[in-house]
């Protein structure tokens, strides 16, 4: 039986993506299961991986991209006892998810409630777990605090806004004007970063400043976010969009800046979050947090924003949409 998968044939622009049809399904080895993919995420991290800009990635082209997936087990390898054919599971793969079938280590899988929509469930694996861990484990927010979310109309941004409101926070979010209706509907106060200075908006509030800022942009934007903090506020950086898109800044310089700011005598702090190293260091946290998010989604407390559901044949175009920040919420590849 044949199957289809996306392949990055070389590092570069969207043109290096191709869809291949493989003649034979992969077979799970000891401790593995084969998963029939139901939904996989498409995110900015995939663009960085495609360009060869993702730090620490060992895979060399050609390989299949795809940071997260939800699927059903259709074959169990030798030695696997905790899963059976038909079980629905999720995994943070980093690469490999954008394929109709994929073999995964059973010990890394998280069970997915069967009643959840696969597209909504996969939205929780990367975007919402990132948002939840940054809020609760990195910034350690408390109800009543005020936060600023950059890119509030994107995948992680909408997750931060929704979870922030669920946790009892006052939320401000930067977004382009076409996304303000979405941001407002999720419960945040939108700031049009293209027309006004978000630092001035925050500092001109009756009670100036925020308790935490979540910034994926990098470069001088980190510095402006740091200025938006109250005394004792926390900047959580989780990306280098500007550097990756050649819009200024350097990931190495940004790291040094972040950690040097912790030495200032103003009570403010800056940290960097990346889900893959966190998952490796704290696998129990990842599993616990994702299972909690599945529960919240099942209860109706969260409703992931899905901007587009696409097919494999639309993947190249989806990379272009993400690069231009044209979509709202998460792009999901459906099989």
C-alpha atoms as a PDB file:
ATOM      1  CA  UNK A   1       0.000   0.000   0.000  1.00  0.00           C
ATOM      2  CA  UNK A   2       1.363   3.417  -0.926  1.00  0.00           C
ATOM      3  CA  UNK A   3       1.184   6.657   1.052  1.00  0.00           C
ATOM      4  CA  UNK A   4       1.975  10.336   0.551  1.00  0.00           C
ATOM      5  CA  UNK A   5       4.287  12.604   2.517  1.00  0.00           C
ATOM      6  CA  UNK A   6       5.764  16.073   2.311  1.00  0.00           C
ATOM      7  CA  UNK A   7       9.511  16.301   1.783  1.00  0.00           C
ATOM      8  CA  UNK A   8      12.009  19.130   2.193  1.00  0.00           C
ATOM      9  CA  UNK A   9      14.453  18.248  -0.576  1.00  0.00           C
ATOM     10  CA  UNK A  10      16.924  21.047   0.290  1.00  0.00           C
ATOM     11  CA  UNK A  11      17.027  24.059   2.570  1.00  0.00           C
ATOM     12  CA  UNK A  12      15.473  27.122   0.984  1.00  0.00           C
ATOM     13  CA  UNK A  13      12.170  28.775   0.104  1.00  0.00           C
ATOM     14  CA  UNK A  14       8.748  27.162  -0.322  1.00  0.00           C
ATOM     15  CA  UNK A  15       9.835  25.760  -3.686  1.00  0.00           C
ATOM     16  CA  UNK A  16      11.975  23.112  -1.913  1.00  0.00           C
ATOM     17  CA  UNK A  17       8.799  21.439  -0.613  1.00  0.00           C
ATOM     18  CA  UNK A  18       7.451  18.538  -2.621  1.00  0.00           C
ATOM     19  CA  UNK A  19       4.857  15.814  -2.131  1.00  0.00           C
ATOM     20  CA  UNK A  20       6.103  12.280  -2.692  1.00  0.00           C
ATOM     21  CA  UNK A  21       4.199   9.033  -3.002  1.00  0.00           C
ATOM     22  CA  UNK A  22       5.996   6.173  -1.312  1.00  0.00           C
ATOM     23  CA  UNK A  23       5.216   2.653  -2.588  1.00  0.00           C
ATOM     24  CA  UNK A  24       5.281   0.845   0.768  1.00  0.00           C
ATOM     25  CA  UNK A  25       4.044   1.802   4.254  1.00  0.00           C
ATOM     26  CA  UNK A  26       6.708   2.151   6.985  1.00  0.00           C
ATOM     27  CA  UNK A  27       6.859  -0.676   9.524  1.00  0.00           C
ATOM     28  CA  UNK A  28       7.113   0.022  13.275  1.00  0.00           C
ATOM     29  CA  UNK A  29      10.182  -1.298  15.039  1.00  0.00           C
ATOM     30  CA  UNK A  30      10.471  -2.489  18.650  1.00  0.00           C
ATOM     31  CA  UNK A  31       8.732  -0.070  21.000  1.00  0.00           C
ATOM     32  CA  UNK A  32       7.101   1.778  18.104  1.00  0.00           C
ATOM     33  CA  UNK A  33       3.626   2.095  16.641  1.00  0.00           C
ATOM     34  CA  UNK A  34       2.509   3.111  13.179  1.00  0.00           C
ATOM     35  CA  UNK A  35       0.099   6.030  13.194  1.00  0.00           C
ATOM     36  CA  UNK A  36      -2.340   6.967  10.447  1.00  0.00           C
ATOM     37  CA  UNK A  37      -2.227  10.757  10.595  1.00  0.00           C
ATOM     38  CA  UNK A  38      -5.576  12.536  10.939  1.00  0.00           C
ATOM     39  CA  UNK A  39      -4.274  16.094  11.368  1.00  0.00           C
ATOM     40  CA  UNK A  40      -0.877  17.795  11.501  1.00  0.00           C
ATOM     41  CA  UNK A  41       0.010  21.354  12.325  1.00  0.00           C
ATOM     42  CA  UNK A  42       1.673  23.834   9.987  1.00  0.00           C
ATOM     43  CA  UNK A  43       3.552  26.557  11.863  1.00  0.00           C
ATOM     44  CA  UNK A  44       6.279  29.170  11.625  1.00  0.00           C
ATOM     45  CA  UNK A  45       8.684  26.619  13.116  1.00  0.00           C
ATOM     46  CA  UNK A  46       8.242  24.605   9.906  1.00  0.00           C
ATOM     47  CA  UNK A  47       9.424  27.607   7.916  1.00  0.00           C
ATOM     48  CA  UNK A  48      12.541  27.903  10.069  1.00  0.00           C
ATOM     49  CA  UNK A  49      13.214  24.183   9.644  1.00  0.00           C
ATOM     50  CA  UNK A  50      12.713  24.441   5.869  1.00  0.00           C
ATOM     51  CA  UNK A  51      15.155  27.370   5.698  1.00  0.00           C
ATOM     52  CA  UNK A  52      17.743  25.570   7.853  1.00  0.00           C
ATOM     53  CA  UNK A  53      17.429  28.168  10.618  1.00  0.00           C
ATOM     54  CA  UNK A  54      16.021  25.983  13.403  1.00  0.00           C
ATOM     55  CA  UNK A  55      18.631  25.625  16.183  1.00  0.00           C
ATOM     56  CA  UNK A  56      19.796  22.153  17.147  1.00  0.00           C
ATOM     57  CA  UNK A  57      18.000  20.244  14.387  1.00  0.00           C
ATOM     58  CA  UNK A  58      20.041  17.221  13.278  1.00  0.00           C
ATOM     59  CA  UNK A  59      17.981  16.118  10.254  1.00  0.00           C
ATOM     60  CA  UNK A  60      19.452  16.871   6.843  1.00  0.00           C
ATOM     61  CA  UNK A  61      17.451  17.055   3.607  1.00  0.00           C
ATOM     62  CA  UNK A  62      15.631  15.189   2.298  1.00  0.00           C
ATOM     63  CA  UNK A  63      13.254  14.688   5.228  1.00  0.00           C
ATOM     64  CA  UNK A  64       9.588  15.127   6.104  1.00  0.00           C
ATOM     65  CA  UNK A  65       8.624  18.247   8.094  1.00  0.00           C
ATOM     66  CA  UNK A  66       5.803  18.545  10.599  1.00  0.00           C
ATOM     67  CA  UNK A  67       6.064  19.585  14.249  1.00  0.00           C
ATOM     68  CA  UNK A  68       2.912  17.980  15.693  1.00  0.00           C
ATOM     69  CA  UNK A  69       0.215  15.475  14.830  1.00  0.00           C
ATOM     70  CA  UNK A  70      -2.892  13.636  15.959  1.00  0.00           C
ATOM     71  CA  UNK A  71      -3.671  10.229  14.503  1.00  0.00           C
ATOM     72  CA  UNK A  72      -4.876   6.678  15.069  1.00  0.00           C
ATOM     73  CA  UNK A  73      -2.629   3.691  15.650  1.00  0.00           C
ATOM     74  CA  UNK A  74      -2.997   1.157  12.864  1.00  0.00           C
ATOM     75  CA  UNK A  75      -0.113  -1.193  13.700  1.00  0.00           C
ATOM     76  CA  UNK A  76       1.744  -1.988  16.932  1.00  0.00           C
ATOM     77  CA  UNK A  77       5.396  -2.972  16.951  1.00  0.00           C
ATOM     78  CA  UNK A  78       7.107  -5.598  19.108  1.00  0.00           C
ATOM     79  CA  UNK A  79       7.132  -4.919  22.856  1.00  0.00           C
ATOM     80  CA  UNK A  80       4.371  -2.290  22.906  1.00  0.00           C
ATOM     81  CA  UNK A  81       1.820  -3.082  25.605  1.00  0.00           C
ATOM     82  CA  UNK A  82       0.213   0.257  26.533  1.00  0.00           C
ATOM     83  CA  UNK A  83      -1.377   1.002  23.139  1.00  0.00           C
ATOM     84  CA  UNK A  84      -3.583  -0.905  20.717  1.00  0.00           C
ATOM     85  CA  UNK A  85      -4.790  -0.535  17.153  1.00  0.00           C
ATOM     86  CA  UNK A  86      -7.467   2.157  17.013  1.00  0.00           C
ATOM     87  CA  UNK A  87      -6.121   4.271  19.877  1.00  0.00           C
ATOM     88  CA  UNK A  88      -6.044   7.985  19.100  1.00  0.00           C
ATOM     89  CA  UNK A  89      -2.764   9.666  20.043  1.00  0.00           C
ATOM     90  CA  UNK A  90      -0.826  12.929  19.790  1.00  0.00           C
ATOM     91  CA  UNK A  91       2.868  13.632  19.500  1.00  0.00           C
ATOM     92  CA  UNK A  92       5.229  16.593  19.303  1.00  0.00           C
ATOM     93  CA  UNK A  93       7.397  15.218  16.511  1.00  0.00           C
ATOM     94  CA  UNK A  94       9.382  18.382  15.585  1.00  0.00           C
ATOM     95  CA  UNK A  95       9.839  16.774  12.152  1.00  0.00           C
ATOM     96  CA  UNK A  96       8.029  13.963  10.370  1.00  0.00           C
ATOM     97  CA  UNK A  97       4.359  14.687  11.035  1.00  0.00           C
ATOM     98  CA  UNK A  98       3.298  15.821   7.554  1.00  0.00           C
ATOM     99  CA  UNK A  99       2.803  12.323   6.181  1.00  0.00           C
ATOM    100  CA  UNK A 100      -0.189  10.030   5.855  1.00  0.00           C
ATOM    101  CA  UNK A 101       1.573   7.372   7.959  1.00  0.00           C
ATOM    102  CA  UNK A 102       4.443   7.694  10.415  1.00  0.00           C
ATOM    103  CA  UNK A 103       6.150   5.383  12.921  1.00  0.00           C
ATOM    104  CA  UNK A 104       6.610   6.821  16.421  1.00  0.00           C
ATOM    105  CA  UNK A 105       8.008   5.762  19.778  1.00  0.00           C
ATOM    106  CA  UNK A 106       5.092   4.542  21.891  1.00  0.00           C
ATOM    107  CA  UNK A 107       6.536   5.954  25.108  1.00  0.00           C
ATOM    108  CA  UNK A 108       6.316   9.510  23.727  1.00  0.00           C
ATOM    109  CA  UNK A 109       2.636   9.425  22.792  1.00  0.00           C
ATOM    110  CA  UNK A 110      -0.197  11.175  24.630  1.00  0.00           C
ATOM    111  CA  UNK A 111      -3.714   9.754  24.406  1.00  0.00           C
ATOM    112  CA  UNK A 112      -6.334  11.951  22.741  1.00  0.00           C
ATOM    113  CA  UNK A 113     -10.009  11.725  23.742  1.00  0.00           C
ATOM    114  CA  UNK A 114     -11.873  10.227  20.793  1.00  0.00           C
ATOM    115  CA  UNK A 115     -14.632  12.858  20.953  1.00  0.00           C
ATOM    116  CA  UNK A 116     -12.253  15.725  20.090  1.00  0.00           C
ATOM    117  CA  UNK A 117     -12.041  17.034  16.534  1.00  0.00           C
ATOM    118  CA  UNK A 118      -8.539  15.981  15.326  1.00  0.00           C
ATOM    119  CA  UNK A 119      -7.889  19.471  13.901  1.00  0.00           C
ATOM    120  CA  UNK A 120      -8.752  21.115  17.232  1.00  0.00           C
ATOM    121  CA  UNK A 121      -6.785  18.492  19.157  1.00  0.00           C
ATOM    122  CA  UNK A 122      -3.616  19.001  17.102  1.00  0.00           C
ATOM    123  CA  UNK A 123      -3.901  22.756  17.681  1.00  0.00           C
ATOM    124  CA  UNK A 124      -3.335  22.077  21.374  1.00  0.00           C
ATOM    125  CA  UNK A 125      -0.125  20.075  20.954  1.00  0.00           C
ATOM    126  CA  UNK A 126       2.255  22.870  19.935  1.00  0.00           C
ATOM    127  CA  UNK A 127       0.440  26.207  20.114  1.00  0.00           C
ATOM    128  CA  UNK A 128      -1.654  25.777  23.255  1.00  0.00           C
ATOM    129  CA  UNK A 129       0.911  23.777  25.211  1.00  0.00           C
ATOM    130  CA  UNK A 130       3.482  26.472  24.401  1.00  0.00           C
ATOM    131  CA  UNK A 131       1.060  29.177  25.557  1.00  0.00           C
ATOM    132  CA  UNK A 132       0.003  27.300  28.694  1.00  0.00           C
ATOM    133  CA  UNK A 133       3.545  26.543  29.814  1.00  0.00           C
ATOM    134  CA  UNK A 134       4.722  30.106  29.182  1.00  0.00           C
ATOM    135  CA  UNK A 135       1.828  31.479  31.227  1.00  0.00           C
ATOM    136  CA  UNK A 136       1.873  29.042  34.125  1.00  0.00           C
ATOM    137  CA  UNK A 137       5.390  27.635  34.333  1.00  0.00           C
ATOM    138  CA  UNK A 138       7.593  30.419  32.948  1.00  0.00           C
ATOM    139  CA  UNK A 139       5.792  33.682  33.758  1.00  0.00           C
ATOM    140  CA  UNK A 140       3.857  32.072  36.655  1.00  0.00           C
ATOM    141  CA  UNK A 141       0.953  34.461  36.154  1.00  0.00           C
ATOM    142  CA  UNK A 142      -1.687  35.028  38.799  1.00  0.00           C
ATOM    143  CA  UNK A 143      -5.353  35.951  38.365  1.00  0.00           C
ATOM    144  CA  UNK A 144      -5.842  39.703  38.113  1.00  0.00           C
ATOM    145  CA  UNK A 145      -2.492  40.379  36.452  1.00  0.00           C
ATOM    146  CA  UNK A 146      -2.167  42.194  33.126  1.00  0.00           C
ATOM    147  CA  UNK A 147      -0.342  40.710  30.142  1.00  0.00           C
ATOM    148  CA  UNK A 148       0.653  41.829  26.641  1.00  0.00           C
ATOM    149  CA  UNK A 149       0.561  39.274  23.813  1.00  0.00           C
ATOM    150  CA  UNK A 150       2.323  40.025  20.539  1.00  0.00           C
ATOM    151  CA  UNK A 151       0.889  38.488  17.397  1.00  0.00           C
ATOM    152  CA  UNK A 152      -2.409  38.012  19.204  1.00  0.00           C
ATOM    153  CA  UNK A 153      -4.160  36.851  16.025  1.00  0.00           C
ATOM    154  CA  UNK A 154      -1.728  34.008  15.298  1.00  0.00           C
ATOM    155  CA  UNK A 155      -1.682  30.404  16.465  1.00  0.00           C
ATOM    156  CA  UNK A 156       0.230  30.880  19.735  1.00  0.00           C
ATOM    157  CA  UNK A 157      -1.200  34.389  20.123  1.00  0.00           C
ATOM    158  CA  UNK A 158      -4.830  33.257  20.098  1.00  0.00           C
ATOM    159  CA  UNK A 159      -3.892  30.471  22.500  1.00  0.00           C
ATOM    160  CA  UNK A 160      -2.270  32.972  24.890  1.00  0.00           C
ATOM    161  CA  UNK A 161      -5.320  35.226  24.742  1.00  0.00           C
ATOM    162  CA  UNK A 162      -7.817  32.414  25.351  1.00  0.00           C
ATOM    163  CA  UNK A 163      -5.809  30.858  28.146  1.00  0.00           C
ATOM    164  CA  UNK A 164      -5.072  34.258  29.651  1.00  0.00           C
ATOM    165  CA  UNK A 165      -8.785  35.012  29.926  1.00  0.00           C
ATOM    166  CA  UNK A 166      -9.424  31.516  31.324  1.00  0.00           C
ATOM    167  CA  UNK A 167      -6.796  32.166  33.995  1.00  0.00           C
ATOM    168  CA  UNK A 168      -8.397  35.479  34.981  1.00  0.00           C
ATOM    169  CA  UNK A 169      -5.905  37.869  33.369  1.00  0.00           C
ATOM    170  CA  UNK A 170      -6.384  41.275  31.773  1.00  0.00           C
ATOM    171  CA  UNK A 171      -5.108  40.804  28.235  1.00  0.00           C
ATOM    172  CA  UNK A 172      -3.787  43.272  25.651  1.00  0.00           C
ATOM    173  CA  UNK A 173      -2.736  42.035  22.227  1.00  0.00           C
ATOM    174  CA  UNK A 174      -0.906  43.545  19.280  1.00  0.00           C
ATOM    175  CA  UNK A 175      -2.364  42.654  15.892  1.00  0.00           C
ATOM    176  CA  UNK A 176      -2.940  44.137  12.456  1.00  0.00           C
ATOM    177  CA  UNK A 177      -6.310  45.831  12.072  1.00  0.00           C
ATOM    178  CA  UNK A 178      -7.962  42.996  10.079  1.00  0.00           C
ATOM    179  CA  UNK A 179      -7.429  40.706  13.081  1.00  0.00           C
ATOM    180  CA  UNK A 180      -8.909  43.063  15.705  1.00  0.00           C
ATOM    181  CA  UNK A 181     -12.380  41.549  15.530  1.00  0.00           C
ATOM    182  CA  UNK A 182     -10.916  38.127  16.311  1.00  0.00           C
ATOM    183  CA  UNK A 183      -8.725  39.438  19.143  1.00  0.00           C
ATOM    184  CA  UNK A 184     -11.607  41.381  20.689  1.00  0.00           C
ATOM    185  CA  UNK A 185     -13.901  38.369  20.403  1.00  0.00           C
ATOM    186  CA  UNK A 186     -11.386  36.272  22.329  1.00  0.00           C
ATOM    187  CA  UNK A 187     -11.452  38.798  25.176  1.00  0.00           C
ATOM    188  CA  UNK A 188      -8.346  40.930  24.644  1.00  0.00           C
ATOM    189  CA  UNK A 189      -7.946  44.645  23.970  1.00  0.00           C
ATOM    190  CA  UNK A 190      -6.271  44.932  20.539  1.00  0.00           C
ATOM    191  CA  UNK A 191      -3.429  47.339  19.762  1.00  0.00           C
ATOM    192  CA  UNK A 192      -2.776  48.219  16.134  1.00  0.00           C
ATOM    193  CA  UNK A 193       1.014  47.938  16.137  1.00  0.00           C
ATOM    194  CA  UNK A 194       1.186  49.254  12.560  1.00  0.00           C
ATOM    195  CA  UNK A 195      -0.301  52.635  13.530  1.00  0.00           C
ATOM    196  CA  UNK A 196       0.550  53.233  17.182  1.00  0.00           C
ATOM    197  CA  UNK A 197       3.468  52.614  19.522  1.00  0.00           C
ATOM    198  CA  UNK A 198       2.417  49.742  21.783  1.00  0.00           C
ATOM    199  CA  UNK A 199       4.881  50.861  24.468  1.00  0.00           C
ATOM    200  CA  UNK A 200       3.184  54.254  24.717  1.00  0.00           C
ATOM    201  CA  UNK A 201      -0.279  52.649  24.769  1.00  0.00           C
ATOM    202  CA  UNK A 202       0.714  50.427  27.681  1.00  0.00           C
ATOM    203  CA  UNK A 203       2.535  53.147  29.595  1.00  0.00           C
ATOM    204  CA  UNK A 204      -0.360  55.598  29.118  1.00  0.00           C
ATOM    205  CA  UNK A 205      -2.807  53.321  30.930  1.00  0.00           C
ATOM    206  CA  UNK A 206      -4.206  54.572  34.228  1.00  0.00           C
ATOM    207  CA  UNK A 207      -2.002  51.977  35.893  1.00  0.00           C
ATOM    208  CA  UNK A 208       1.014  51.878  33.550  1.00  0.00           C
ATOM    209  CA  UNK A 209       2.782  48.722  32.470  1.00  0.00           C
ATOM    210  CA  UNK A 210       2.034  45.017  32.314  1.00  0.00           C
ATOM    211  CA  UNK A 211       3.051  42.097  34.501  1.00  0.00           C
ATOM    212  CA  UNK A 212       4.164  39.898  31.621  1.00  0.00           C
ATOM    213  CA  UNK A 213       4.881  40.194  27.889  1.00  0.00           C
ATOM    214  CA  UNK A 214       5.041  37.289  25.416  1.00  0.00           C
ATOM    215  CA  UNK A 215       7.215  38.161  22.418  1.00  0.00           C
ATOM    216  CA  UNK A 216       8.228  35.950  19.467  1.00  0.00           C
ATOM    217  CA  UNK A 217       9.665  38.731  17.293  1.00  0.00           C
ATOM    218  CA  UNK A 218      13.143  39.441  18.622  1.00  0.00           C
ATOM    219  CA  UNK A 219      15.599  42.187  17.774  1.00  0.00           C
ATOM    220  CA  UNK A 220      14.740  45.646  19.096  1.00  0.00           C
ATOM    221  CA  UNK A 221      11.185  44.443  19.680  1.00  0.00           C
ATOM    222  CA  UNK A 222      12.382  42.547  22.767  1.00  0.00           C
ATOM    223  CA  UNK A 223      13.743  45.802  24.196  1.00  0.00           C
ATOM    224  CA  UNK A 224      10.461  47.602  23.614  1.00  0.00           C
ATOM    225  CA  UNK A 225       8.570  44.761  25.242  1.00  0.00           C
ATOM    226  CA  UNK A 226      10.894  44.974  28.253  1.00  0.00           C
ATOM    227  CA  UNK A 227      10.087  48.693  28.546  1.00  0.00           C
ATOM    228  CA  UNK A 228       6.392  47.814  28.717  1.00  0.00           C
ATOM    229  CA  UNK A 229       6.842  45.879  31.957  1.00  0.00           C
ATOM    230  CA  UNK A 230       6.002  47.105  35.423  1.00  0.00           C
ATOM    231  CA  UNK A 231       8.530  46.694  38.199  1.00  0.00           C
ATOM    232  CA  UNK A 232       8.772  42.960  38.796  1.00  0.00           C
ATOM    233  CA  UNK A 233       7.355  42.182  35.340  1.00  0.00           C
ATOM    234  CA  UNK A 234       8.458  39.223  33.235  1.00  0.00           C
ATOM    235  CA  UNK A 235       9.363  39.128  29.547  1.00  0.00           C
ATOM    236  CA  UNK A 236       8.950  35.682  28.000  1.00  0.00           C
ATOM    237  CA  UNK A 237      10.627  35.442  24.604  1.00  0.00           C
ATOM    238  CA  UNK A 238       9.832  32.429  22.458  1.00  0.00           C
ATOM    239  CA  UNK A 239      11.087  33.111  18.969  1.00  0.00           C
ATOM    240  CA  UNK A 240      13.207  35.176  16.592  1.00  0.00           C
ATOM    241  CA  UNK A 241      10.782  35.991  13.797  1.00  0.00           C
ATOM    242  CA  UNK A 242      12.601  39.159  12.711  1.00  0.00           C
ATOM    243  CA  UNK A 243      15.955  37.414  12.405  1.00  0.00           C
ATOM    244  CA  UNK A 244      14.456  34.413  10.579  1.00  0.00           C
ATOM    245  CA  UNK A 245      12.718  36.696   8.075  1.00  0.00           C
ATOM    246  CA  UNK A 246      15.791  38.958   7.626  1.00  0.00           C
ATOM    247  CA  UNK A 247      14.001  41.887   9.274  1.00  0.00           C
ATOM    248  CA  UNK A 248      16.788  42.733  11.669  1.00  0.00           C
ATOM    249  CA  UNK A 249      18.212  41.227  14.805  1.00  0.00           C
ATOM    250  CA  UNK A 250      20.335  38.201  15.559  1.00  0.00           C
ATOM    251  CA  UNK A 251      19.290  35.190  17.623  1.00  0.00           C
ATOM    252  CA  UNK A 252      22.698  35.052  19.332  1.00  0.00           C
ATOM    253  CA  UNK A 253      22.633  38.764  20.214  1.00  0.00           C
ATOM    254  CA  UNK A 254      19.024  38.498  21.374  1.00  0.00           C
ATOM    255  CA  UNK A 255      19.944  35.690  23.781  1.00  0.00           C
ATOM    256  CA  UNK A 256      22.718  37.769  25.298  1.00  0.00           C
ATOM    257  CA  UNK A 257      20.411  40.769  25.683  1.00  0.00           C
ATOM    258  CA  UNK A 258      17.720  38.745  27.406  1.00  0.00           C
ATOM    259  CA  UNK A 259      20.011  37.310  30.018  1.00  0.00           C
ATOM    260  CA  UNK A 260      21.883  40.582  30.607  1.00  0.00           C
ATOM    261  CA  UNK A 261      18.594  42.306  31.459  1.00  0.00           C
ATOM    262  CA  UNK A 262      18.200  39.989  34.436  1.00  0.00           C
ATOM    263  CA  UNK A 263      21.193  41.748  36.003  1.00  0.00           C
ATOM    264  CA  UNK A 264      19.458  45.151  36.075  1.00  0.00           C
ATOM    265  CA  UNK A 265      18.278  46.377  39.521  1.00  0.00           C
ATOM    266  CA  UNK A 266      14.672  47.026  38.464  1.00  0.00           C
ATOM    267  CA  UNK A 267      13.032  43.775  39.518  1.00  0.00           C
ATOM    268  CA  UNK A 268      12.197  42.856  35.932  1.00  0.00           C
ATOM    269  CA  UNK A 269      13.211  39.531  34.382  1.00  0.00           C
ATOM    270  CA  UNK A 270      13.576  37.990  30.927  1.00  0.00           C
ATOM    271  CA  UNK A 271      13.457  34.333  29.954  1.00  0.00           C
ATOM    272  CA  UNK A 272      13.462  32.318  26.742  1.00  0.00           C
ATOM    273  CA  UNK A 273      11.043  29.455  26.168  1.00  0.00           C
ATOM    274  CA  UNK A 274      11.215  26.726  23.520  1.00  0.00           C
ATOM    275  CA  UNK A 275       8.845  23.775  23.747  1.00  0.00           C
ATOM    276  CA  UNK A 276      11.107  21.016  22.408  1.00  0.00           C
ATOM    277  CA  UNK A 277      13.945  21.485  24.962  1.00  0.00           C
ATOM    278  CA  UNK A 278      11.353  21.983  27.718  1.00  0.00           C
ATOM    279  CA  UNK A 279       9.609  18.751  26.734  1.00  0.00           C
ATOM    280  CA  UNK A 280      12.938  16.898  26.773  1.00  0.00           C
ATOM    281  CA  UNK A 281      13.837  18.317  30.198  1.00  0.00           C
ATOM    282  CA  UNK A 282      10.360  17.952  31.729  1.00  0.00           C
ATOM    283  CA  UNK A 283       8.491  15.187  29.847  1.00  0.00           C
ATOM    284  CA  UNK A 284       6.049  14.793  32.715  1.00  0.00           C
ATOM    285  CA  UNK A 285       5.045  18.457  32.508  1.00  0.00           C
ATOM    286  CA  UNK A 286       4.393  18.189  28.778  1.00  0.00           C
ATOM    287  CA  UNK A 287       2.152  15.151  29.175  1.00  0.00           C
ATOM    288  CA  UNK A 288       0.291  16.601  32.162  1.00  0.00           C
ATOM    289  CA  UNK A 289      -0.246  19.996  30.525  1.00  0.00           C
ATOM    290  CA  UNK A 290      -1.398  18.565  27.194  1.00  0.00           C
ATOM    291  CA  UNK A 291      -3.819  16.189  28.897  1.00  0.00           C
ATOM    292  CA  UNK A 292      -5.203  19.130  30.886  1.00  0.00           C
ATOM    293  CA  UNK A 293      -5.693  21.105  27.671  1.00  0.00           C
ATOM    294  CA  UNK A 294      -7.521  18.158  26.079  1.00  0.00           C
ATOM    295  CA  UNK A 295      -9.840  18.160  29.103  1.00  0.00           C
ATOM    296  CA  UNK A 296     -10.487  21.918  28.852  1.00  0.00           C
ATOM    297  CA  UNK A 297     -11.218  21.597  25.135  1.00  0.00           C
ATOM    298  CA  UNK A 298     -13.585  18.693  25.734  1.00  0.00           C
ATOM    299  CA  UNK A 299     -15.430  20.733  28.369  1.00  0.00           C
ATOM    300  CA  UNK A 300     -15.822  23.673  26.006  1.00  0.00           C
ATOM    301  CA  UNK A 301     -13.512  25.955  28.010  1.00  0.00           C
ATOM    302  CA  UNK A 302     -11.188  26.263  25.004  1.00  0.00           C
ATOM    303  CA  UNK A 303     -12.065  26.496  21.332  1.00  0.00           C
ATOM    304  CA  UNK A 304      -8.926  26.568  19.194  1.00  0.00           C
ATOM    305  CA  UNK A 305      -8.971  29.091  16.369  1.00  0.00           C
ATOM    306  CA  UNK A 306      -8.383  27.277  13.085  1.00  0.00           C
ATOM    307  CA  UNK A 307      -7.718  29.714  10.289  1.00  0.00           C
ATOM    308  CA  UNK A 308      -7.437  27.164   7.488  1.00  0.00           C
ATOM    309  CA  UNK A 309      -7.759  23.424   7.012  1.00  0.00           C
ATOM    310  CA  UNK A 310      -5.584  22.408   4.084  1.00  0.00           C
ATOM    311  CA  UNK A 311      -4.497  19.356   2.091  1.00  0.00           C
ATOM    312  CA  UNK A 312      -0.956  18.219   1.383  1.00  0.00           C
ATOM    313  CA  UNK A 313      -1.187  19.809  -2.036  1.00  0.00           C
ATOM    314  CA  UNK A 314      -1.693  23.236  -0.417  1.00  0.00           C
ATOM    315  CA  UNK A 315       1.311  22.979   1.904  1.00  0.00           C
ATOM    316  CA  UNK A 316       3.658  25.107  -0.192  1.00  0.00           C
ATOM    317  CA  UNK A 317       1.091  27.908  -0.323  1.00  0.00           C
ATOM    318  CA  UNK A 318       0.510  27.631   3.427  1.00  0.00           C
ATOM    319  CA  UNK A 319       4.193  28.404   4.012  1.00  0.00           C
ATOM    320  CA  UNK A 320       3.726  31.593   2.012  1.00  0.00           C
ATOM    321  CA  UNK A 321       0.631  32.550   4.046  1.00  0.00           C
ATOM    322  CA  UNK A 322       2.529  32.091   7.296  1.00  0.00           C
ATOM    323  CA  UNK A 323       5.529  34.113   6.101  1.00  0.00           C
ATOM    324  CA  UNK A 324       3.190  37.025   5.333  1.00  0.00           C
ATOM    325  CA  UNK A 325       1.159  36.569   8.558  1.00  0.00           C
ATOM    326  CA  UNK A 326      -2.019  36.356   6.505  1.00  0.00           C
ATOM    327  CA  UNK A 327      -3.850  33.710   8.511  1.00  0.00           C
ATOM    328  CA  UNK A 328      -5.716  33.918  11.789  1.00  0.00           C
ATOM    329  CA  UNK A 329      -5.131  31.185  14.313  1.00  0.00           C
ATOM    330  CA  UNK A 330      -3.731  27.783  13.347  1.00  0.00           C
ATOM    331  CA  UNK A 331      -3.258  26.206   9.926  1.00  0.00           C
ATOM    332  CA  UNK A 332      -4.062  22.487  10.079  1.00  0.00           C
ATOM    333  CA  UNK A 333      -3.125  19.890   7.503  1.00  0.00           C
ATOM    334  CA  UNK A 334      -6.011  17.400   7.337  1.00  0.00           C
ATOM    335  CA  UNK A 335      -5.744  13.867   5.939  1.00  0.00           C
END
